Amino acid sequence: MQDIILEARHIHKRFYDPVTVQVLTDITFTVNKGEFVSVIGKSGCGKSTLLYILSTMDTDYEGELLIDKVSMSGKSDAALARIRNEKIGFVFQFHYLLNEFTVLRNVMLPGIKLNKHSEQEVEHRALERLKMLGIEHLANKLAYRVSGGEKQRVAIARALINDPHIIMGDEPTGNLDVKNSEMVFDIFKQLAEEHNQTLLIVTHDPSFAENSGRIIEMEDGKIIRH
C-alpha cells in the first residue's frame, strides 16, 4: 500500500468579483509518496489557483484537502503556517531569495523558522542540501551574485531544508533557458528516484511534463486526465 501524501476531495472554488465565476470544479486526486507529478493546462485553467489551495495558502474553497492523511479543514492560520513550513517545500518561477543574505543563509531560513533543530544543525543540513545540488561552493556568496540557474538551485535547496513531505513548484523553469531548465528537471527527477521525494509541479513546458512520472491535465477548472 503506497503512502498517500496529498489528497484532494471534491474541491470547488469560486471567485466573486463582481459576478460569481466557478474557477475549480470537483477536483479529486491523490499523490503518493515519491511520485513526480506535473500539472499542465492552458493559462487561466486554474492550475495556480489549485496550487494555492493545495499548499494551504488559500482556505476559501469547498471540499477537503488532506496532507499526510490529515485534513486541513478548520485549522487556524498559525497551524497551517506550521504545516506549510514543515511539510511543504516551495519552488516558484522567481526564486525569491533575499539578496542581502548569503546563499547558505537563504537555504537555512525556513529551517530556523521551523525551530526544530539548533542553528548549527540547520547550517549543517543546509550545506548537505547545497552539496547534493552541486553548489556548495556558492555557500558564502551573497544571493544576488549568483546566476539565474544557480539561484533556482539555491531555491530548491531551501525547499528541501525541512525534509518536506512534498515539494510544490509553480512554473519553476518558467524563467530559465533550456540548459538550466533541463538541469532543474534533472534535479527533480533525481529527488524523486533517489530520495523518494514527492513533487507536484505546475508547468507550461510540455517536455518537462512528458518526462515527469505522471501528468494531471486541467481544462476550464476541471481535471481532464490524471
Protein backbone atom coordinates (compact mmCIF):
# COMPACT_ATOMS: atom_id res chain seq x y z
CA MET A 1 0.00 0.00 0.00
CA GLN A 2 1.56 3.26 -1.09
CA ASP A 3 1.60 6.18 1.28
CA ILE A 4 -0.74 8.94 0.15
CA ILE A 5 0.97 12.28 0.79
CA LEU A 6 -1.65 14.59 -0.68
CA GLU A 7 -5.34 14.09 -1.32
CA ALA A 8 -7.87 16.49 -2.82
CA ARG A 9 -11.50 15.54 -2.36
CA HIS A 10 -14.18 17.29 -4.42
CA ILE A 11 -12.57 20.72 -4.29
CA HIS A 12 -14.64 23.57 -5.73
CA LYS A 13 -13.52 27.17 -5.89
CA ARG A 14 -15.45 30.28 -6.90
CA PHE A 15 -14.40 33.89 -7.28
CA TYR A 16 -17.00 36.57 -6.57
CA ASP A 17 -15.85 39.66 -8.40
CA PRO A 18 -18.47 41.10 -9.01
CA VAL A 19 -20.21 38.09 -10.57
CA THR A 20 -19.66 34.51 -9.45
CA VAL A 21 -17.08 32.63 -11.50
CA GLN A 22 -16.52 28.91 -10.99
CA VAL A 23 -12.73 28.51 -11.07
CA LEU A 24 -12.32 24.89 -9.95
CA THR A 25 -14.93 22.15 -10.26
CA ASP A 26 -14.86 18.85 -8.37
CA ILE A 27 -11.10 18.42 -8.19
CA THR A 28 -10.34 14.95 -6.81
CA PHE A 29 -6.98 13.14 -6.96
CA THR A 30 -4.24 11.70 -4.78
CA VAL A 31 -0.45 11.93 -4.89
CA ASN A 32 1.59 9.07 -3.46
CA LYS A 33 4.97 9.29 -1.76
CA GLY A 34 7.83 9.51 -4.25
CA GLU A 35 5.63 10.48 -7.21
CA PHE A 36 6.79 13.19 -9.61
CA VAL A 37 3.59 14.79 -10.88
CA SER A 38 3.26 17.62 -13.43
CA VAL A 39 0.12 19.75 -13.64
CA ILE A 40 -0.49 21.15 -17.11
CA GLY A 41 -3.18 23.11 -18.93
CA LYS A 42 -3.69 26.39 -20.76
CA SER A 43 -3.26 29.71 -18.97
CA GLY A 44 -6.33 30.50 -16.91
CA CYS A 45 -7.41 26.86 -16.49
CA GLY A 46 -6.99 27.04 -12.71
CA LYS A 47 -3.55 25.43 -12.20
CA SER A 48 -2.11 28.15 -9.97
CA THR A 49 -5.39 28.57 -8.09
CA LEU A 50 -5.33 24.85 -7.36
CA LEU A 51 -1.71 25.01 -6.20
CA TYR A 52 -2.57 27.82 -3.76
CA ILE A 53 -5.30 25.65 -2.26
CA LEU A 54 -3.13 22.51 -2.13
CA SER A 55 -0.35 24.48 -0.45
CA THR A 56 -2.84 25.65 2.25
CA MET A 57 -2.30 29.32 1.32
CA ASP A 58 -5.90 29.68 0.11
CA THR A 59 -8.50 28.31 2.53
CA ASP A 60 -11.60 29.70 0.83
CA TYR A 61 -12.88 26.65 -1.04
CA GLU A 62 -15.39 23.82 -0.76
CA GLY A 63 -14.24 20.22 -0.42
CA GLU A 64 -11.41 18.71 1.56
CA LEU A 65 -7.64 18.72 1.41
CA LEU A 66 -5.57 16.12 3.27
CA ILE A 67 -1.82 16.37 3.69
CA ASP A 68 -0.13 13.29 5.07
CA LYS A 69 -3.63 11.85 5.73
CA VAL A 70 -4.59 14.81 7.96
CA SER A 71 -7.46 17.08 6.93
CA MET A 72 -6.61 20.77 6.63
CA SER A 73 -10.22 21.81 7.28
CA GLY A 74 -10.84 24.11 10.22
CA LYS A 75 -7.17 24.62 11.09
CA SER A 76 -6.02 28.04 12.29
CA ASP A 77 -3.73 30.22 10.18
CA ALA A 78 -0.90 29.56 12.61
CA ALA A 79 -1.39 25.78 12.38
CA LEU A 80 -1.47 25.96 8.58
CA ALA A 81 1.67 28.12 8.52
CA ARG A 82 3.47 25.49 10.58
CA ILE A 83 2.28 22.66 8.33
CA ARG A 84 3.42 24.65 5.27
CA ASN A 85 6.84 25.22 6.74
CA GLU A 86 7.29 21.66 7.95
CA LYS A 87 5.64 19.54 5.25
CA ILE A 88 5.75 21.57 2.03
CA GLY A 89 8.76 22.88 0.14
CA PHE A 90 8.14 25.62 -2.43
CA VAL A 91 9.91 26.42 -5.67
CA PHE A 92 8.46 29.31 -7.66
CA GLN A 93 9.18 30.77 -11.08
CA PHE A 94 11.03 33.58 -9.32
CA HIS A 95 13.35 32.28 -6.67
CA TYR A 96 12.53 34.92 -4.01
CA LEU A 97 15.99 34.79 -2.48
CA LEU A 98 16.92 37.53 -0.05
CA ASN A 99 19.74 39.45 -1.72
CA GLU A 100 21.31 40.76 1.47
CA PHE A 101 21.94 37.24 2.77
CA THR A 102 24.40 34.59 1.65
CA VAL A 103 23.28 31.54 -0.29
CA LEU A 104 23.77 29.44 2.84
CA ARG A 105 21.66 31.76 4.99
CA ASN A 106 18.86 31.78 2.40
CA VAL A 107 18.73 27.98 2.48
CA MET A 108 18.77 27.99 6.29
CA LEU A 109 15.89 30.44 6.82
CA PRO A 110 12.91 28.01 6.70
CA GLY A 111 14.87 25.67 8.99
CA ILE A 112 15.50 28.43 11.52
CA LYS A 113 11.84 29.41 11.33
CA LEU A 114 10.70 25.83 11.96
CA ASN A 115 12.89 25.83 15.06
CA LYS A 116 13.18 22.03 15.21
CA HIS A 117 16.98 21.86 15.15
CA SER A 118 19.75 24.05 16.55
CA GLU A 119 21.10 26.74 14.23
CA GLN A 120 24.33 24.75 13.93
CA GLU A 121 22.38 21.66 12.84
CA VAL A 122 20.33 23.73 10.35
CA GLU A 123 23.58 25.07 8.88
CA HIS A 124 24.93 21.54 8.55
CA ARG A 125 21.71 20.41 6.83
CA ALA A 126 21.79 23.43 4.51
CA LEU A 127 25.34 22.60 3.43
CA GLU A 128 24.27 18.98 2.80
CA ARG A 129 21.47 20.18 0.51
CA LEU A 130 23.81 22.55 -1.35
CA LYS A 131 26.29 19.68 -1.79
CA MET A 132 23.54 17.42 -3.10
CA LEU A 133 22.74 20.05 -5.77
CA GLY A 134 26.38 20.63 -6.63
CA ILE A 135 26.51 24.25 -5.43
CA GLU A 136 28.21 24.04 -2.04
CA HIS A 137 30.98 26.29 -3.43
CA LEU A 138 28.42 29.13 -3.54
CA ALA A 139 27.53 28.88 0.17
CA ASN A 140 29.18 32.13 1.25
CA LYS A 141 28.32 34.20 -1.81
CA LEU A 142 25.63 36.85 -1.48
CA ALA A 143 22.46 35.71 -3.22
CA TYR A 144 22.44 38.47 -5.81
CA ARG A 145 25.90 37.45 -7.01
CA VAL A 146 24.93 34.02 -8.37
CA SER A 147 23.44 33.29 -11.81
CA GLY A 148 19.76 32.65 -12.60
CA GLY A 149 20.18 28.89 -12.89
CA GLU A 150 22.19 28.81 -9.67
CA LYS A 151 19.55 30.88 -7.88
CA GLN A 152 16.90 28.32 -8.80
CA ARG A 153 19.10 25.53 -7.43
CA VAL A 154 19.51 27.53 -4.23
CA ALA A 155 15.71 27.83 -4.09
CA ILE A 156 15.41 24.03 -4.44
CA ALA A 157 17.95 23.52 -1.63
CA ARG A 158 15.89 25.90 0.51
CA ALA A 159 12.71 23.95 -0.33
CA LEU A 160 14.44 20.76 0.87
CA ILE A 161 15.80 22.08 4.18
CA ASN A 162 12.95 20.82 6.37
CA ASP A 163 12.66 17.42 4.63
CA PRO A 164 9.20 18.28 3.29
CA HIS A 165 6.64 15.60 2.54
CA ILE A 166 6.03 17.26 -0.80
CA ILE A 167 7.69 19.89 -2.97
CA MET A 168 5.30 22.13 -4.86
CA GLY A 169 6.51 24.17 -7.79
CA ASP A 170 4.78 26.92 -9.73
CA GLU A 171 6.49 27.16 -13.13
CA PRO A 172 9.95 26.58 -11.59
CA THR A 173 11.59 26.51 -15.03
CA GLY A 174 9.45 29.32 -16.47
CA ASN A 175 12.20 31.88 -16.14
CA LEU A 176 15.15 29.73 -17.21
CA ASP A 177 16.85 28.98 -20.52
CA VAL A 178 16.78 25.46 -21.97
CA LYS A 179 20.05 24.34 -20.36
CA ASN A 180 19.06 25.48 -16.87
CA SER A 181 15.51 24.16 -17.31
CA GLU A 182 16.92 20.73 -18.08
CA MET A 183 19.21 20.95 -15.07
CA VAL A 184 16.28 21.77 -12.75
CA PHE A 185 14.24 18.95 -14.29
CA ASP A 186 17.11 16.50 -13.72
CA ILE A 187 17.35 17.60 -10.09
CA PHE A 188 13.63 16.97 -9.57
CA LYS A 189 13.85 13.56 -11.26
CA GLN A 190 16.81 12.61 -9.11
CA LEU A 191 14.98 13.75 -5.96
CA ALA A 192 12.02 11.52 -6.84
CA GLU A 193 14.02 8.50 -7.93
CA GLU A 194 16.91 8.50 -5.47
CA HIS A 195 15.44 10.25 -2.44
CA ASN A 196 11.77 9.20 -2.79
CA GLN A 197 10.82 12.89 -2.71
CA THR A 198 7.24 13.70 -3.71
CA LEU A 199 6.87 16.50 -6.27
CA LEU A 200 3.85 18.35 -7.62
CA ILE A 201 4.91 20.84 -10.28
CA VAL A 202 2.75 23.23 -12.31
CA THR A 203 4.44 23.72 -15.67
CA HIS A 204 3.90 25.18 -19.14
CA ASP A 205 6.77 23.16 -20.53
CA PRO A 206 5.42 20.11 -22.44
CA SER A 207 8.75 18.25 -22.46
CA PHE A 208 9.12 18.77 -18.70
CA ALA A 209 5.65 17.30 -18.16
CA GLU A 210 6.12 14.40 -20.59
CA ASN A 211 9.27 13.30 -18.78
CA SER A 212 7.84 13.51 -15.28
CA GLY A 213 6.26 10.43 -13.74
CA ARG A 214 2.64 11.42 -14.19
CA ILE A 215 0.59 14.23 -15.73
CA ILE A 216 -2.53 15.88 -14.33
CA GLU A 217 -4.12 17.89 -17.12
CA MET A 218 -6.61 20.66 -16.42
CA GLU A 219 -9.09 22.45 -18.63
CA ASP A 220 -11.61 25.11 -17.54
CA GLY A 221 -11.13 24.36 -13.86
CA LYS A 222 -11.60 20.61 -14.20
CA ILE A 223 -9.15 17.72 -14.33
CA ILE A 224 -9.44 16.00 -17.71
CA ARG A 225 -6.73 13.39 -17.09
CA HIS A 226 -4.71 12.27 -14.11
